[in-house]
Amino acid sequence: MAQPVQSSAPVGSFVHGPQSCRACFDGLTPVWNGEPQSFRAAGEEWRIRPNPGYWGSPEPKVLVLGFSKGPGQVERVENWSGGDGFEDIPFNDARGRMRPNLHSLLCAIGLIDASRPVETLFKSDEKLLGFASIVRCSVEILTGGDWKGSGSRILSRTVSARPRFLRECVNRHLRDALPQSVELIILLGAEVGYVREMREFLASEVMPPKIEYVYQALGRTVVHLPHPSGEASGFVKVFCGEKEKPGQNEGSMIECRRQVVPAVAKLLPSLGRPNDAVGH
């Protein structure tokens, strides 16, 4: 595969495109999307591939973070040879459900208008939003003898174990380099275990008895939204008010919405969004 141009972000801003960071890789600096590196922690095993990326505004007011690149995004990384098409990688899946779900979530909390095409959010001229992941390289965890890049409670298991690559990535790209422009951080993933682990990891606070999907960390407001993956579409629909009868465990998204929407609404004026933008 032809090697893409690698970008380095100046302090205080992000750079749209593939990133040059190889902090977690031993030995010679690997090429972008080259050979994976293995890690062990808490009796489990992970591997990450050096393909960190960032999409959107260099100085976003809202930073949207998945956990890593799932299998659909990894497939697009493998098919990308540099140049045009980098914007096709994030939050994309073979069935075409992830991006519409993400669009619905961002509309439901008032950050974008329903008429805005989701594809435009990931371009370098975006002004409001930035997109990346907690671990910018693609992550897999060894489960039952197979490497899994999604499911298998990979989010909460990884954050609970605190492998070196997780600590390094958060310190390097969030704690030490978060642009001053960022006012709101959105974490995609609202499963109780993940919310609990991320709150403790980012804010050094133990989850209270009643789950809280909104907290302060890294000097910003952090909110959790349901993950936009196709498998979580029911959770997304409940959060967005599009499903009247929640399925098993989906009812928690009613409480998630009750907490998150008002928290984001308080920030809408400073984000340049109208006060009545929620749900539009």
Foldseek 3Di string as FASTA:
>chain_A
DAAADADDQDFQWAAAFWHQDPPPDDDDRDTAQDDWDWFDFPRWIKIWGRTFGKFEERQAQEEEAEAEFFPQLVVQVVVDNYDPDPLVRPQQHPVGQRQVLVLLVCQQLQNDPNPDDSSVRGHHPHHHYMYAHLQRTQMWIQDPNDTHRDDPVVQLVCLVRVIVSNVVSCVVPQLRGRHPSYAEYEYAADDQSNQQSVCCVFVVDGADPDGAQWDDGSNHIYGYAYRSDPVCVLLSCVLSVNDDDRDVPSVVSVVSNVRPNVVSLVCQVVSVTDSPSRND
